[in-house]
Amino acid sequence: MTTKITSLESAFNDWRNAFNTGNLNEAYGVMNEDMVIFDEDIPWRFSKTDFVKHIQFHGPNWESFEWVARELRFQMRGGTGVVSGYATLRGKPRDAGFRQRFMGFTQTWILENESWSLVVWHQSPLLGQIEGASPS
């Protein structure tokens, strides 16, 4: 079990680092084609294709951005891994001030053929902490 937890942590860290450094092909490569995303920014369910289009639309409008995960918890249920914690999406749009969004998140990963795949990503804002903190 410890080996699976360690490999899940490694897969998560690799995905997060790829996402934050702009290596989007690597980040998207870990995301399952049938994945489901509930994002803090959009009030409906996203597919992987929807998410890729969302990032392509927003990407050129940002000088910098980072998804910072904290208080991580890694759990295993057979071949299924669960990563949960808190995250801050922070960044600098090209035409506006600095933005921060605080949220809780849960991700579900599956282990198939010795490789991890991200299948569900849900993140929700912590409204009590962000109300008025991010100018619109």
C-alpha atoms as a PDB file:
ATOM      1  CA  MET A   1       0.000   0.000   0.000  1.00  0.00           C
ATOM      2  CA  THR A   2       2.821   2.430   0.847  1.00  0.00           C
ATOM      3  CA  THR A   3       4.353   1.906  -2.607  1.00  0.00           C
ATOM      4  CA  LYS A   4       1.041   2.781  -4.293  1.00  0.00           C
ATOM      5  CA  ILE A   5       0.660   5.904  -2.131  1.00  0.00           C
ATOM      6  CA  THR A   6       4.209   6.965  -3.016  1.00  0.00           C
ATOM      7  CA  SER A   7       3.570   6.437  -6.726  1.00  0.00           C
ATOM      8  CA  LEU A   8       0.269   8.383  -6.470  1.00  0.00           C
ATOM      9  CA  GLU A   9       2.078  11.275  -4.755  1.00  0.00           C
ATOM     10  CA  SER A  10       4.712  11.221  -7.480  1.00  0.00           C
ATOM     11  CA  ALA A  11       2.110  11.184 -10.277  1.00  0.00           C
ATOM     12  CA  PHE A  12       0.210  14.065  -8.652  1.00  0.00           C
ATOM     13  CA  ASN A  13       3.385  16.117  -8.157  1.00  0.00           C
ATOM     14  CA  ASP A  14       4.499  15.500 -11.750  1.00  0.00           C
ATOM     15  CA  TRP A  15       1.053  16.556 -13.050  1.00  0.00           C
ATOM     16  CA  ARG A  16       0.942  19.667 -10.840  1.00  0.00           C
ATOM     17  CA  ASN A  17       4.476  20.720 -11.790  1.00  0.00           C
ATOM     18  CA  ALA A  18       3.744  20.244 -15.507  1.00  0.00           C
ATOM     19  CA  PHE A  19       0.548  22.308 -15.188  1.00  0.00           C
ATOM     20  CA  ASN A  20       2.263  25.110 -13.263  1.00  0.00           C
ATOM     21  CA  THR A  21       5.286  25.356 -15.551  1.00  0.00           C
ATOM     22  CA  GLY A  22       3.174  25.501 -18.697  1.00  0.00           C
ATOM     23  CA  ASN A  23       4.086  22.001 -19.881  1.00  0.00           C
ATOM     24  CA  LEU A  24       0.447  21.488 -20.760  1.00  0.00           C
ATOM     25  CA  ASN A  25       0.937  18.545 -23.126  1.00  0.00           C
ATOM     26  CA  GLU A  26       2.454  16.580 -20.248  1.00  0.00           C
ATOM     27  CA  ALA A  27      -0.296  17.695 -17.840  1.00  0.00           C
ATOM     28  CA  TYR A  28      -3.052  16.848 -20.325  1.00  0.00           C
ATOM     29  CA  GLY A  29      -1.394  13.487 -21.072  1.00  0.00           C
ATOM     30  CA  VAL A  30      -2.140  12.297 -17.531  1.00  0.00           C
ATOM     31  CA  MET A  31      -5.776  13.369 -17.731  1.00  0.00           C
ATOM     32  CA  ASN A  32      -8.081  10.520 -18.772  1.00  0.00           C
ATOM     33  CA  GLU A  33      -9.986  11.075 -22.017  1.00  0.00           C
ATOM     34  CA  ASP A  34     -13.283  10.405 -20.177  1.00  0.00           C
ATOM     35  CA  MET A  35     -12.409  12.605 -17.220  1.00  0.00           C
ATOM     36  CA  VAL A  36     -14.947  14.764 -15.408  1.00  0.00           C
ATOM     37  CA  ILE A  37     -14.039  18.207 -14.040  1.00  0.00           C
ATOM     38  CA  PHE A  38     -16.065  20.461 -11.782  1.00  0.00           C
ATOM     39  CA  ASP A  39     -14.091  23.684 -11.790  1.00  0.00           C
ATOM     40  CA  GLU A  40     -14.388  26.634  -9.422  1.00  0.00           C
ATOM     41  CA  ASP A  41     -14.597  28.994 -12.381  1.00  0.00           C
ATOM     42  CA  ILE A  42     -17.412  27.355 -14.374  1.00  0.00           C
ATOM     43  CA  PRO A  43     -20.888  26.344 -13.106  1.00  0.00           C
ATOM     44  CA  TRP A  44     -21.153  23.144 -15.151  1.00  0.00           C
ATOM     45  CA  ARG A  45     -19.320  19.858 -15.700  1.00  0.00           C
ATOM     46  CA  PHE A  46     -16.258  19.932 -17.986  1.00  0.00           C
ATOM     47  CA  SER A  47     -14.780  17.141 -20.063  1.00  0.00           C
ATOM     48  CA  LYS A  48     -11.062  17.002 -20.733  1.00  0.00           C
ATOM     49  CA  THR A  49     -11.699  18.587 -24.145  1.00  0.00           C
ATOM     50  CA  ASP A  50     -13.696  21.408 -22.521  1.00  0.00           C
ATOM     51  CA  PHE A  51     -10.914  22.025 -20.005  1.00  0.00           C
ATOM     52  CA  VAL A  52      -8.211  22.142 -22.698  1.00  0.00           C
ATOM     53  CA  LYS A  53     -10.288  24.690 -24.650  1.00  0.00           C
ATOM     54  CA  HIS A  54     -10.857  26.706 -21.450  1.00  0.00           C
ATOM     55  CA  ILE A  55      -7.099  26.921 -20.778  1.00  0.00           C
ATOM     56  CA  GLN A  56      -6.372  27.746 -24.439  1.00  0.00           C
ATOM     57  CA  PHE A  57      -8.880  30.600 -24.279  1.00  0.00           C
ATOM     58  CA  HIS A  58      -7.539  32.043 -21.015  1.00  0.00           C
ATOM     59  CA  GLY A  59      -3.842  31.263 -21.358  1.00  0.00           C
ATOM     60  CA  PRO A  60      -2.823  34.185 -23.593  1.00  0.00           C
ATOM     61  CA  ASN A  61      -4.561  36.619 -21.217  1.00  0.00           C
ATOM     62  CA  TRP A  62      -2.315  35.826 -18.237  1.00  0.00           C
ATOM     63  CA  GLU A  63       1.228  36.995 -17.469  1.00  0.00           C
ATOM     64  CA  SER A  64       1.604  34.309 -14.821  1.00  0.00           C
ATOM     65  CA  PHE A  65      -0.437  31.756 -12.959  1.00  0.00           C
ATOM     66  CA  GLU A  66       0.072  28.999 -10.430  1.00  0.00           C
ATOM     67  CA  TRP A  67      -2.145  26.375  -8.806  1.00  0.00           C
ATOM     68  CA  VAL A  68      -0.743  25.922  -5.287  1.00  0.00           C
ATOM     69  CA  ALA A  69      -1.944  22.819  -3.423  1.00  0.00           C
ATOM     70  CA  ARG A  70      -1.685  22.515   0.380  1.00  0.00           C
ATOM     71  CA  GLU A  71      -2.593  20.189   3.231  1.00  0.00           C
ATOM     72  CA  LEU A  72      -2.610  17.250   0.851  1.00  0.00           C
ATOM     73  CA  ARG A  73      -4.032  13.883   1.780  1.00  0.00           C
ATOM     74  CA  PHE A  74      -3.365  10.792  -0.346  1.00  0.00           C
ATOM     75  CA  GLN A  75      -5.591   7.718   0.034  1.00  0.00           C
ATOM     76  CA  MET A  76      -5.905   4.369  -1.735  1.00  0.00           C
ATOM     77  CA  ARG A  77      -9.003   2.254  -2.364  1.00  0.00           C
ATOM     78  CA  GLY A  78      -7.789  -0.755  -4.346  1.00  0.00           C
ATOM     79  CA  GLY A  79      -6.510   0.615  -7.672  1.00  0.00           C
ATOM     80  CA  THR A  80      -8.146   3.990  -7.042  1.00  0.00           C
ATOM     81  CA  GLY A  81      -6.277   6.904  -5.507  1.00  0.00           C
ATOM     82  CA  VAL A  82      -7.829   9.974  -3.956  1.00  0.00           C
ATOM     83  CA  VAL A  83      -5.967  13.261  -3.492  1.00  0.00           C
ATOM     84  CA  SER A  84      -7.656  15.972  -1.466  1.00  0.00           C
ATOM     85  CA  GLY A  85      -6.623  19.281  -0.009  1.00  0.00           C
ATOM     86  CA  TYR A  86      -6.851  23.005  -0.415  1.00  0.00           C
ATOM     87  CA  ALA A  87      -5.558  25.003  -3.343  1.00  0.00           C
ATOM     88  CA  THR A  88      -4.981  28.596  -4.309  1.00  0.00           C
ATOM     89  CA  LEU A  89      -5.196  29.630  -7.921  1.00  0.00           C
ATOM     90  CA  ARG A  90      -3.137  32.768  -8.151  1.00  0.00           C
ATOM     91  CA  GLY A  91      -1.946  34.771 -11.053  1.00  0.00           C
ATOM     92  CA  LYS A  92      -1.579  38.039 -12.881  1.00  0.00           C
ATOM     93  CA  PRO A  93      -3.886  38.795 -15.824  1.00  0.00           C
ATOM     94  CA  ARG A  94      -2.276  41.011 -18.475  1.00  0.00           C
ATOM     95  CA  ASP A  95      -4.886  43.766 -18.118  1.00  0.00           C
ATOM     96  CA  ALA A  96      -5.726  43.687 -14.401  1.00  0.00           C
ATOM     97  CA  GLY A  97      -4.358  43.292 -10.905  1.00  0.00           C
ATOM     98  CA  PHE A  98      -3.225  40.146  -9.163  1.00  0.00           C
ATOM     99  CA  ARG A  99      -5.909  37.469  -8.583  1.00  0.00           C
ATOM    100  CA  GLN A 100      -6.280  34.776  -5.941  1.00  0.00           C
ATOM    101  CA  ARG A 101      -8.948  32.123  -5.540  1.00  0.00           C
ATOM    102  CA  PHE A 102      -8.983  29.799  -2.545  1.00  0.00           C
ATOM    103  CA  MET A 103     -10.674  26.422  -2.864  1.00  0.00           C
ATOM    104  CA  GLY A 104     -10.999  22.901  -1.609  1.00  0.00           C
ATOM    105  CA  PHE A 105     -10.360  20.127  -4.116  1.00  0.00           C
ATOM    106  CA  THR A 106     -10.588  16.388  -4.579  1.00  0.00           C
ATOM    107  CA  GLN A 107      -9.069  14.353  -7.380  1.00  0.00           C
ATOM    108  CA  THR A 108      -9.690  10.704  -8.237  1.00  0.00           C
ATOM    109  CA  TRP A 109      -6.913   8.792  -9.971  1.00  0.00           C
ATOM    110  CA  ILE A 110      -6.930   5.219 -11.307  1.00  0.00           C
ATOM    111  CA  LEU A 111      -3.953   2.916 -11.607  1.00  0.00           C
ATOM    112  CA  GLU A 112      -3.982   0.892 -14.819  1.00  0.00           C
ATOM    113  CA  ASN A 113      -1.017  -1.017 -16.237  1.00  0.00           C
ATOM    114  CA  GLU A 114       1.334   0.585 -13.676  1.00  0.00           C
ATOM    115  CA  SER A 115       0.346   4.092 -14.799  1.00  0.00           C
ATOM    116  CA  TRP A 116      -1.815   6.694 -13.036  1.00  0.00           C
ATOM    117  CA  SER A 117      -4.606   8.527 -14.839  1.00  0.00           C
ATOM    118  CA  LEU A 118      -6.584  11.490 -13.472  1.00  0.00           C
ATOM    119  CA  VAL A 119     -10.310  10.724 -13.922  1.00  0.00           C
ATOM    120  CA  VAL A 120     -12.157  13.240 -11.694  1.00  0.00           C
ATOM    121  CA  TRP A 121     -11.140  16.709 -10.493  1.00  0.00           C
ATOM    122  CA  HIS A 122     -13.530  18.712  -8.373  1.00  0.00           C
ATOM    123  CA  GLN A 123     -12.668  22.070  -6.870  1.00  0.00           C
ATOM    124  CA  SER A 124     -14.945  24.529  -5.124  1.00  0.00           C
ATOM    125  CA  PRO A 125     -14.266  28.044  -3.884  1.00  0.00           C
ATOM    126  CA  LEU A 126     -14.140  28.808  -0.191  1.00  0.00           C
ATOM    127  CA  LEU A 127     -16.507  31.752  -0.516  1.00  0.00           C
ATOM    128  CA  GLY A 128     -16.064  33.025   3.009  1.00  0.00           C
ATOM    129  CA  GLN A 129     -12.369  33.534   2.345  1.00  0.00           C
ATOM    130  CA  ILE A 130     -12.497  35.009  -1.146  1.00  0.00           C
ATOM    131  CA  GLU A 131     -15.464  37.352  -1.108  1.00  0.00           C
ATOM    132  CA  GLY A 132     -14.081  40.698  -2.216  1.00  0.00           C
ATOM    133  CA  ALA A 133     -10.495  39.416  -2.312  1.00  0.00           C
ATOM    134  CA  SER A 134     -10.245  39.127  -6.089  1.00  0.00           C
ATOM    135  CA  PRO A 135     -11.288  42.169  -8.106  1.00  0.00           C
ATOM    136  CA  SER A 136     -13.510  41.517 -11.087  1.00  0.00           C
END
